[in-house]
Amino acid sequence: MGIVLRRNIALRLIAGLIMAAGLSGCGLTVPQKAALDHFASATHDFSTIAQTEFQKSRQDVIEMNRYRFELGDPRVKPTELDQLLTRDRAETRVRALQALEDYAVLLRKLVGVVPEGELLEASNSFVRNLRTVKGLSFSDQQAEGIGKAVAAVGGLYVEHKRARAIREVVDTANEPIVTVIDLVKRDFDPAAMGWNAGYKLMASELDGRATKVGASVQADDLTAKQSILRAQALAAENTARFDLVSVEIVRLASAVADAQKNLRLVLNPSSLNTEGIDQLANKVREFKSIYSMLRN
């Protein structure tokens, strides 16, 4: 009896190990998890940098228009100093980027190990913010698919369900996420009529107003001359910085979009190639350091 019992226990242990091995094979590999973590971290940082720039550049415009008002520009109203780059326009763009940030947070939580409630909250936040983005197509069916996949995580076969949820999130969110990134790219593209164009126009208007006023200033009016020089310096400094930041944001937006499109291949072990994601992580890390110096 003891021999039979021990044999049955041994057989059950072997069966359990075989099942665990099979389920582990359905999960993500260590390189896949690392690639996803790098992508999520880079995407999160890109989103926060772009959000900050929308807010900071709006403040720049308010400051430049205040200078124009002080220089007597009749086209500037003190109640509309943020003309072209209004609060509503800024908030719309920030909300879209918050959805991108939530996407990165959700992926990182799916790769890691977090309580089920925290994971569900990350999923709900992502879906909720994504559905507020104007001009974005994201159906109830897509939202439900992501919710169900994430809710399934935390069952008995955790790794298998996490891998399945990650693939569902990446596949379902691919089109709307790429659309959000493209919207950001167009806004900072100097060749497009977006946020970039509005900012550059305001800087040009300030420089033009300063030049016009300066032409009629008396040679001994040092106070007026100093005001004009400050206005011109501000316009030049803001333009140079914004040009640099815009070029980098457009470049990073292209890299994030490419990495997102290739992310589904990364989730396929037979075609695992993380070079693009590794390059993206390095690019974002480098610009993050530069940006902190430019804006602090």
Protein backbone atom coordinates (compact mmCIF):
# COMPACT_ATOMS: atom_id res chain seq x y z
CA MET A 1 0.00 0.00 0.00
CA GLY A 2 2.82 2.39 0.92
CA ILE A 3 4.58 1.71 -2.38
CA VAL A 4 1.39 2.32 -4.35
CA LEU A 5 0.71 5.53 -2.45
CA ARG A 6 4.21 6.82 -3.01
CA ARG A 7 3.96 5.91 -6.70
CA ASN A 8 0.67 7.80 -7.06
CA ILE A 9 2.15 10.86 -5.34
CA ALA A 10 5.18 10.70 -7.61
CA LEU A 11 3.00 10.45 -10.69
CA ARG A 12 0.95 13.45 -9.58
CA LEU A 13 4.10 15.49 -8.97
CA ILE A 14 5.43 14.60 -12.40
CA ALA A 15 2.11 15.51 -14.01
CA GLY A 16 2.08 18.79 -12.13
CA LEU A 17 5.61 19.61 -13.29
CA ILE A 18 4.69 18.78 -16.89
CA MET A 19 1.63 21.03 -16.65
CA ALA A 20 3.63 23.85 -15.06
CA ALA A 21 6.28 23.57 -17.76
CA GLY A 22 3.62 23.74 -20.46
CA LEU A 23 1.99 26.75 -18.90
CA SER A 24 5.33 28.46 -18.42
CA GLY A 25 5.95 28.01 -22.14
CA CYS A 26 2.78 29.99 -22.81
CA GLY A 27 4.09 32.88 -20.75
CA LEU A 28 6.55 35.56 -21.80
CA THR A 29 10.26 34.90 -21.86
CA VAL A 30 12.76 36.96 -19.88
CA PRO A 31 13.91 38.88 -23.02
CA GLN A 32 10.28 39.61 -23.94
CA LYS A 33 9.55 40.94 -20.46
CA ALA A 34 12.68 43.09 -20.57
CA ALA A 35 11.71 44.48 -24.00
CA LEU A 36 8.19 45.30 -22.82
CA ASP A 37 9.53 46.98 -19.70
CA HIS A 38 11.96 49.08 -21.79
CA PHE A 39 9.20 50.04 -24.22
CA ALA A 40 6.79 50.98 -21.43
CA SER A 41 9.42 53.04 -19.60
CA ALA A 42 10.45 54.91 -22.78
CA THR A 43 6.83 55.52 -23.80
CA HIS A 44 5.97 56.80 -20.32
CA ASP A 45 8.90 59.24 -20.37
CA PHE A 46 8.08 60.40 -23.90
CA SER A 47 4.50 61.08 -22.86
CA THR A 48 5.46 63.09 -19.78
CA ILE A 49 8.02 65.14 -21.74
CA ALA A 50 5.46 65.98 -24.44
CA GLN A 51 2.83 66.86 -21.82
CA THR A 52 5.29 69.16 -20.10
CA GLU A 53 6.22 70.85 -23.37
CA PHE A 54 2.61 71.57 -24.28
CA GLN A 55 2.14 73.24 -20.89
CA LYS A 56 5.49 75.07 -20.85
CA SER A 57 5.18 76.33 -24.43
CA ARG A 58 1.72 77.71 -23.63
CA GLN A 59 3.26 79.60 -20.72
CA ASP A 60 5.93 80.91 -23.10
CA VAL A 61 3.24 82.30 -25.37
CA ILE A 62 1.49 84.02 -22.47
CA GLU A 63 4.79 85.64 -21.46
CA MET A 64 5.59 86.72 -25.03
CA ASN A 65 2.14 88.22 -25.51
CA ARG A 66 2.49 90.06 -22.22
CA TYR A 67 5.61 91.68 -23.61
CA ARG A 68 3.71 92.57 -26.79
CA PHE A 69 0.97 94.17 -24.70
CA GLU A 70 3.53 96.20 -22.75
CA LEU A 71 5.04 97.32 -26.06
CA GLY A 72 1.65 98.67 -27.04
CA ASP A 73 0.58 96.02 -29.57
CA PRO A 74 -3.14 96.78 -30.14
CA ARG A 75 -3.83 93.23 -31.33
CA VAL A 76 -3.12 91.75 -27.89
CA LYS A 77 -5.91 91.66 -25.33
CA PRO A 78 -4.89 91.24 -21.67
CA THR A 79 -7.65 88.64 -21.24
CA GLU A 80 -6.41 86.56 -24.20
CA LEU A 81 -2.68 86.31 -23.67
CA ASP A 82 -2.72 82.62 -24.59
CA GLN A 83 -4.16 83.25 -28.06
CA LEU A 84 -3.71 80.31 -30.46
CA LEU A 85 -2.33 78.09 -27.68
CA THR A 86 -5.36 78.24 -25.39
CA ARG A 87 -6.02 76.27 -22.23
CA ASP A 88 -8.63 74.12 -24.00
CA ARG A 89 -6.22 73.22 -26.79
CA ALA A 90 -3.50 72.37 -24.30
CA GLU A 91 -5.80 70.24 -22.13
CA THR A 92 -7.04 68.28 -25.15
CA ARG A 93 -3.47 67.37 -26.05
CA VAL A 94 -2.45 66.58 -22.48
CA ARG A 95 -5.41 64.22 -22.07
CA ALA A 96 -4.40 62.33 -25.21
CA LEU A 97 -0.88 61.95 -23.86
CA GLN A 98 -2.23 60.82 -20.50
CA ALA A 99 -3.88 57.93 -22.33
CA LEU A 100 -0.47 57.06 -23.81
CA GLU A 101 1.06 57.31 -20.33
CA ASP A 102 -1.67 55.03 -18.93
CA TYR A 103 -0.92 52.52 -21.70
CA ALA A 104 2.72 52.39 -20.60
CA VAL A 105 1.72 52.02 -16.94
CA LEU A 106 -0.67 49.16 -17.77
CA LEU A 107 1.99 47.27 -19.72
CA ARG A 108 4.51 47.63 -16.89
CA LYS A 109 2.00 46.35 -14.37
CA LEU A 110 1.13 43.39 -16.58
CA VAL A 111 4.81 42.51 -16.92
CA GLY A 112 5.38 42.83 -13.18
CA VAL A 113 3.48 41.42 -10.25
CA VAL A 114 0.90 43.74 -8.70
CA PRO A 115 -2.36 43.20 -6.77
CA GLU A 116 -5.39 42.45 -8.92
CA GLY A 117 -7.18 45.64 -7.86
CA GLU A 118 -4.21 47.79 -8.90
CA LEU A 119 -4.06 46.07 -12.26
CA LEU A 120 -7.77 46.59 -12.90
CA GLU A 121 -7.50 50.26 -11.95
CA ALA A 122 -4.64 50.71 -14.43
CA SER A 123 -6.75 49.07 -17.14
CA ASN A 124 -9.82 51.17 -16.35
CA SER A 125 -7.78 54.39 -16.30
CA PHE A 126 -6.25 53.60 -19.69
CA VAL A 127 -9.57 52.79 -21.34
CA ARG A 128 -11.31 55.78 -19.75
CA ASN A 129 -8.67 58.28 -20.90
CA LEU A 130 -8.35 56.75 -24.34
CA ARG A 131 -12.06 57.16 -24.94
CA THR A 132 -11.86 60.89 -24.20
CA VAL A 133 -9.35 61.55 -27.00
CA LYS A 134 -11.03 63.58 -29.74
CA GLY A 135 -11.04 62.11 -33.22
CA LEU A 136 -10.07 58.65 -32.00
CA SER A 137 -11.91 55.47 -32.95
CA PHE A 138 -12.14 53.13 -29.95
CA SER A 139 -15.25 50.98 -29.72
CA ASP A 140 -17.11 49.49 -26.75
CA GLN A 141 -16.08 46.07 -28.03
CA GLN A 142 -12.39 47.01 -27.95
CA ALA A 143 -12.70 48.45 -24.46
CA GLU A 144 -14.50 45.33 -23.27
CA GLY A 145 -11.84 43.08 -24.82
CA ILE A 146 -9.06 44.81 -22.92
CA GLY A 147 -11.06 44.81 -19.69
CA LYS A 148 -11.82 41.09 -19.87
CA ALA A 149 -8.24 40.14 -20.73
CA VAL A 150 -6.83 42.13 -17.82
CA ALA A 151 -9.52 40.89 -15.43
CA ALA A 152 -8.56 37.29 -16.27
CA VAL A 153 -5.07 37.87 -14.86
CA GLY A 154 -4.70 36.70 -11.29
CA GLY A 155 -6.20 33.26 -11.81
CA LEU A 156 -4.38 29.99 -11.24
CA TYR A 157 -2.16 30.13 -14.33
CA VAL A 158 -0.80 33.64 -13.87
CA GLU A 159 2.01 33.71 -16.46
CA HIS A 160 -0.20 32.30 -19.18
CA LYS A 161 -2.94 34.83 -18.47
CA ARG A 162 -0.54 37.75 -18.21
CA ALA A 163 0.95 36.93 -21.60
CA ARG A 164 -2.52 36.61 -23.09
CA ALA A 165 -3.62 39.93 -21.56
CA ILE A 166 -0.51 41.73 -22.81
CA ARG A 167 -1.05 40.47 -26.36
CA GLU A 168 -4.72 41.48 -26.22
CA VAL A 169 -3.87 44.98 -24.95
CA VAL A 170 -1.09 45.52 -27.51
CA ASP A 171 -3.16 44.26 -30.44
CA THR A 172 -6.37 46.07 -29.53
CA ALA A 173 -4.72 49.35 -28.58
CA ASN A 174 -2.32 49.43 -31.54
CA GLU A 175 -4.34 51.63 -33.90
CA PRO A 176 -5.56 54.22 -31.33
CA ILE A 177 -2.12 54.43 -29.70
CA VAL A 178 -0.40 55.01 -33.04
CA THR A 179 -3.04 57.65 -33.82
CA VAL A 180 -2.29 59.49 -30.55
CA ILE A 181 1.44 59.44 -31.32
CA ASP A 182 0.80 60.76 -34.84
CA LEU A 183 -1.29 63.62 -33.44
CA VAL A 184 1.59 64.64 -31.20
CA LYS A 185 4.03 64.35 -34.09
CA ARG A 186 1.92 66.61 -36.31
CA ASP A 187 1.58 69.21 -33.56
CA PHE A 188 5.34 69.59 -33.21
CA ASP A 189 6.12 69.21 -36.90
CA PRO A 190 7.49 72.58 -38.13
CA ALA A 191 6.06 71.88 -41.59
CA ALA A 192 2.50 71.39 -40.31
CA MET A 193 -0.07 73.98 -39.22
CA GLY A 194 -0.34 72.73 -35.65
CA TRP A 195 0.91 73.75 -32.21
CA ASN A 196 4.37 74.47 -33.60
CA ALA A 197 3.03 76.99 -36.11
CA GLY A 198 1.05 78.84 -33.44
CA TYR A 199 4.05 79.09 -31.15
CA LYS A 200 6.39 80.30 -33.88
CA LEU A 201 3.85 82.91 -35.01
CA MET A 202 3.62 84.37 -31.50
CA ALA A 203 7.42 84.54 -31.22
CA SER A 204 7.61 86.22 -34.62
CA GLU A 205 4.91 88.72 -33.64
CA LEU A 206 6.87 89.66 -30.52
CA ASP A 207 10.08 90.16 -32.45
CA GLY A 208 8.25 92.19 -35.10
CA ARG A 209 6.57 94.41 -32.51
CA ALA A 210 9.88 95.04 -30.72
CA THR A 211 11.56 95.96 -33.99
CA LYS A 212 8.75 98.35 -34.92
CA VAL A 213 8.79 100.09 -31.53
CA GLY A 214 12.57 100.21 -31.52
CA ALA A 215 12.64 102.16 -34.77
CA SER A 216 10.96 105.13 -33.09
CA VAL A 217 12.70 105.06 -29.70
CA GLN A 218 14.84 108.04 -28.80
CA ALA A 219 18.58 107.36 -28.57
CA ASP A 220 18.73 108.45 -24.91
CA ASP A 221 15.66 106.40 -23.81
CA LEU A 222 17.63 103.58 -22.19
CA THR A 223 14.62 102.11 -20.37
CA ALA A 224 12.68 101.65 -23.61
CA LYS A 225 15.74 100.23 -25.34
CA GLN A 226 16.22 97.68 -22.56
CA SER A 227 12.59 96.59 -22.83
CA ILE A 228 12.95 96.13 -26.58
CA LEU A 229 16.18 94.16 -26.21
CA ARG A 230 14.58 91.90 -23.58
CA ALA A 231 11.62 91.25 -25.86
CA GLN A 232 13.84 90.42 -28.83
CA ALA A 233 16.07 88.20 -26.70
CA LEU A 234 13.03 86.37 -25.31
CA ALA A 235 11.62 85.75 -28.80
CA ALA A 236 14.99 84.47 -30.07
CA GLU A 237 15.66 82.29 -27.03
CA ASN A 238 12.18 80.76 -27.03
CA THR A 239 12.32 80.07 -30.77
CA ALA A 240 15.72 78.40 -30.58
CA ARG A 241 14.71 76.20 -27.65
CA PHE A 242 11.33 75.29 -29.14
CA ASP A 243 12.93 74.38 -32.48
CA LEU A 244 15.32 72.01 -30.72
CA VAL A 245 12.62 70.45 -28.56
CA SER A 246 10.20 70.09 -31.48
CA VAL A 247 12.74 68.27 -33.65
CA GLU A 248 13.48 65.83 -30.84
CA ILE A 249 9.82 65.21 -29.99
CA VAL A 250 9.02 64.52 -33.65
CA ARG A 251 11.99 62.15 -33.87
CA LEU A 252 11.00 60.33 -30.68
CA ALA A 253 7.34 60.17 -31.75
CA SER A 254 8.40 58.34 -34.92
CA ALA A 255 10.54 55.95 -32.86
CA VAL A 256 7.73 55.24 -30.37
CA ALA A 257 5.23 54.64 -33.20
CA ASP A 258 7.62 52.23 -34.93
CA ALA A 259 8.28 50.39 -31.68
CA GLN A 260 4.55 50.10 -30.98
CA LYS A 261 3.90 48.69 -34.45
CA ASN A 262 6.69 46.14 -33.97
CA LEU A 263 5.70 45.24 -30.43
CA ARG A 264 3.51 42.38 -31.62
CA LEU A 265 6.55 40.82 -33.27
CA VAL A 266 8.47 41.11 -30.01
CA LEU A 267 5.71 39.11 -28.34
CA ASN A 268 6.36 36.30 -30.82
CA PRO A 269 9.43 34.33 -29.64
CA SER A 270 10.15 33.09 -33.16
CA SER A 271 10.70 36.64 -34.40
CA LEU A 272 12.08 38.27 -31.26
CA ASN A 273 14.17 41.29 -32.15
CA THR A 274 14.41 43.98 -29.49
CA GLU A 275 16.98 46.20 -31.21
CA GLY A 276 14.45 48.88 -32.12
CA ILE A 277 13.03 49.02 -28.60
CA ASP A 278 16.51 49.18 -27.07
CA GLN A 279 17.38 52.08 -29.39
CA LEU A 280 14.14 53.86 -28.44
CA ALA A 281 14.92 53.49 -24.74
CA ASN A 282 18.38 54.99 -25.25
CA LYS A 283 17.05 57.91 -27.34
CA VAL A 284 14.39 58.81 -24.78
CA ARG A 285 16.85 58.47 -21.89
CA GLU A 286 19.31 60.83 -23.59
CA PHE A 287 16.70 63.45 -24.48
CA LYS A 288 15.16 63.28 -21.02
CA SER A 289 18.45 64.55 -19.57
CA ILE A 290 18.76 67.28 -22.21
CA TYR A 291 15.15 68.38 -21.78
CA SER A 292 15.50 68.75 -18.01
CA MET A 293 18.31 71.25 -18.64
CA LEU A 294 16.36 73.14 -21.31
CA ARG A 295 13.24 73.59 -19.23
CA ASN A 296 14.61 73.91 -15.67
